[in-house]
Amino acid sequence: SMPMAISLACNQMGLTPEEALTAATFNAAVAIGHGAESGSIEPGKRADLLLLEASDYREIPCYVGANLVAAAVKDGVLLRPEQIWSWPIA
């Protein structure tokens, strides 16, 4: 569970929410060799995004194990709810 991992990173390891989100997104993409095309919101990168039910990114660690996903965008296309959970890993 990414919310659990982010929460543990903040609450037990002392990371800020920004550091934990960077570790879970950009650093993870770099670790698997995809940092040039994904992992952050930049021109020229794939538009793979999750829209979360949170007012601010700093709230994410507060929702341990909760599913905050309101919508998802894969390669710039808004997915239907049933498509969100069938994403391939890479």
C-alpha atoms as a PDB file:
ATOM      1  CA  SER A   1       0.000   0.000   0.000  1.00  0.00           C
ATOM      2  CA  MET A   2       1.598   3.256  -1.103  1.00  0.00           C
ATOM      3  CA  PRO A   3      -0.378   5.333   1.411  1.00  0.00           C
ATOM      4  CA  MET A   4       0.967   3.062   4.157  1.00  0.00           C
ATOM      5  CA  ALA A   5       4.533   3.309   2.836  1.00  0.00           C
ATOM      6  CA  ILE A   6       4.287   7.106   2.609  1.00  0.00           C
ATOM      7  CA  SER A   7       2.804   7.316   6.091  1.00  0.00           C
ATOM      8  CA  LEU A   8       5.540   5.110   7.562  1.00  0.00           C
ATOM      9  CA  ALA A   9       8.232   7.122   5.777  1.00  0.00           C
ATOM     10  CA  CYS A  10       6.895  10.309   7.354  1.00  0.00           C
ATOM     11  CA  ASN A  11       5.871   9.081  10.785  1.00  0.00           C
ATOM     12  CA  GLN A  12       8.618   6.549  11.488  1.00  0.00           C
ATOM     13  CA  MET A  13      11.541   7.576   9.294  1.00  0.00           C
ATOM     14  CA  GLY A  14      11.257  11.361   9.614  1.00  0.00           C
ATOM     15  CA  LEU A  15      10.730  12.191   5.942  1.00  0.00           C
ATOM     16  CA  THR A  16       8.596  15.163   5.009  1.00  0.00           C
ATOM     17  CA  PRO A  17       5.512  14.446   2.864  1.00  0.00           C
ATOM     18  CA  GLU A  18       7.353  16.008  -0.092  1.00  0.00           C
ATOM     19  CA  GLU A  19      10.367  13.725   0.418  1.00  0.00           C
ATOM     20  CA  ALA A  20       8.147  10.654   0.774  1.00  0.00           C
ATOM     21  CA  LEU A  21       6.199  11.477  -2.412  1.00  0.00           C
ATOM     22  CA  THR A  22       9.426  12.095  -4.320  1.00  0.00           C
ATOM     23  CA  ALA A  23      10.729   8.721  -3.129  1.00  0.00           C
ATOM     24  CA  ALA A  24       7.484   7.009  -4.185  1.00  0.00           C
ATOM     25  CA  THR A  25       7.339   8.655  -7.625  1.00  0.00           C
ATOM     26  CA  PHE A  26      10.460  10.124  -9.204  1.00  0.00           C
ATOM     27  CA  ASN A  27      13.050   8.141  -7.235  1.00  0.00           C
ATOM     28  CA  ALA A  28      11.104   4.936  -7.880  1.00  0.00           C
ATOM     29  CA  ALA A  29      10.989   5.670 -11.630  1.00  0.00           C
ATOM     30  CA  VAL A  30      14.737   6.343 -11.659  1.00  0.00           C
ATOM     31  CA  ALA A  31      15.395   3.118  -9.728  1.00  0.00           C
ATOM     32  CA  ILE A  32      13.729   1.037 -12.440  1.00  0.00           C
ATOM     33  CA  GLY A  33      15.303   2.985 -15.295  1.00  0.00           C
ATOM     34  CA  HIS A  34      12.238   5.072 -16.251  1.00  0.00           C
ATOM     35  CA  GLY A  35      13.219   8.455 -14.786  1.00  0.00           C
ATOM     36  CA  ALA A  36      13.668  10.064 -18.213  1.00  0.00           C
ATOM     37  CA  GLU A  37      10.067   9.388 -19.262  1.00  0.00           C
ATOM     38  CA  SER A  38       8.039   9.153 -16.042  1.00  0.00           C
ATOM     39  CA  GLY A  39       8.000   9.784 -12.311  1.00  0.00           C
ATOM     40  CA  SER A  40       7.500  13.555 -12.377  1.00  0.00           C
ATOM     41  CA  ILE A  41       5.306  16.121 -14.103  1.00  0.00           C
ATOM     42  CA  GLU A  42       7.484  17.669 -16.810  1.00  0.00           C
ATOM     43  CA  PRO A  43       7.143  18.511 -20.514  1.00  0.00           C
ATOM     44  CA  GLY A  44       7.951  15.490 -22.650  1.00  0.00           C
ATOM     45  CA  LYS A  45       7.201  12.902 -19.968  1.00  0.00           C
ATOM     46  CA  ARG A  46       4.275  10.497 -19.984  1.00  0.00           C
ATOM     47  CA  ALA A  47       1.127  11.872 -18.403  1.00  0.00           C
ATOM     48  CA  ASP A  48       0.480   9.121 -15.850  1.00  0.00           C
ATOM     49  CA  LEU A  49      -1.247  10.795 -12.911  1.00  0.00           C
ATOM     50  CA  LEU A  50      -3.426   9.960  -9.932  1.00  0.00           C
ATOM     51  CA  LEU A  51      -5.919  12.523  -8.721  1.00  0.00           C
ATOM     52  CA  LEU A  52      -6.396  12.069  -4.992  1.00  0.00           C
ATOM     53  CA  GLU A  53      -9.198  12.947  -2.585  1.00  0.00           C
ATOM     54  CA  ALA A  54      -6.982  15.225  -0.507  1.00  0.00           C
ATOM     55  CA  SER A  55      -6.893  18.985  -0.150  1.00  0.00           C
ATOM     56  CA  ASP A  56      -3.101  19.064  -0.013  1.00  0.00           C
ATOM     57  CA  TYR A  57      -0.276  16.575  -0.606  1.00  0.00           C
ATOM     58  CA  ARG A  58       0.710  16.956   3.053  1.00  0.00           C
ATOM     59  CA  GLU A  59      -2.516  15.148   4.039  1.00  0.00           C
ATOM     60  CA  ILE A  60      -1.531  11.895   2.302  1.00  0.00           C
ATOM     61  CA  PRO A  61       0.472  10.456   5.250  1.00  0.00           C
ATOM     62  CA  CYS A  62      -2.591  10.924   7.488  1.00  0.00           C
ATOM     63  CA  TYR A  63      -4.607   8.335   5.537  1.00  0.00           C
ATOM     64  CA  VAL A  64      -2.842   5.114   6.468  1.00  0.00           C
ATOM     65  CA  GLY A  65      -4.009   2.337   4.162  1.00  0.00           C
ATOM     66  CA  ALA A  66      -6.860   4.394   2.688  1.00  0.00           C
ATOM     67  CA  ASN A  67      -7.659   4.511  -1.011  1.00  0.00           C
ATOM     68  CA  LEU A  68      -7.573   8.213  -1.890  1.00  0.00           C
ATOM     69  CA  VAL A  69      -7.726   7.717  -5.677  1.00  0.00           C
ATOM     70  CA  ALA A  70     -10.480   9.851  -7.212  1.00  0.00           C
ATOM     71  CA  ALA A  71      -9.374   9.464 -10.836  1.00  0.00           C
ATOM     72  CA  ALA A  72      -6.411   8.349 -12.902  1.00  0.00           C
ATOM     73  CA  VAL A  73      -4.796   9.472 -16.135  1.00  0.00           C
ATOM     74  CA  LYS A  74      -2.679   6.999 -18.165  1.00  0.00           C
ATOM     75  CA  ASP A  75      -0.669   8.340 -21.108  1.00  0.00           C
ATOM     76  CA  GLY A  76      -2.814  11.486 -20.999  1.00  0.00           C
ATOM     77  CA  VAL A  77      -6.137   9.609 -21.126  1.00  0.00           C
ATOM     78  CA  LEU A  78      -8.627   9.725 -18.252  1.00  0.00           C
ATOM     79  CA  LEU A  79      -9.398   6.145 -17.189  1.00  0.00           C
ATOM     80  CA  ARG A  80     -12.729   4.731 -16.181  1.00  0.00           C
ATOM     81  CA  PRO A  81     -12.790   3.435 -12.565  1.00  0.00           C
ATOM     82  CA  GLU A  82     -12.658  -0.223 -13.634  1.00  0.00           C
ATOM     83  CA  GLN A  83      -9.546   0.490 -15.739  1.00  0.00           C
ATOM     84  CA  ILE A  84      -7.581   1.992 -12.866  1.00  0.00           C
ATOM     85  CA  TRP A  85      -7.007  -1.317 -11.087  1.00  0.00           C
ATOM     86  CA  SER A  86      -5.944  -3.176 -14.239  1.00  0.00           C
ATOM     87  CA  TRP A  87      -2.802  -1.084 -14.947  1.00  0.00           C
ATOM     88  CA  PRO A  88       0.271  -3.044 -15.906  1.00  0.00           C
ATOM     89  CA  ILE A  89       3.202  -2.546 -13.527  1.00  0.00           C
ATOM     90  CA  ALA A  90       5.623  -1.104 -16.123  1.00  0.00           C
END
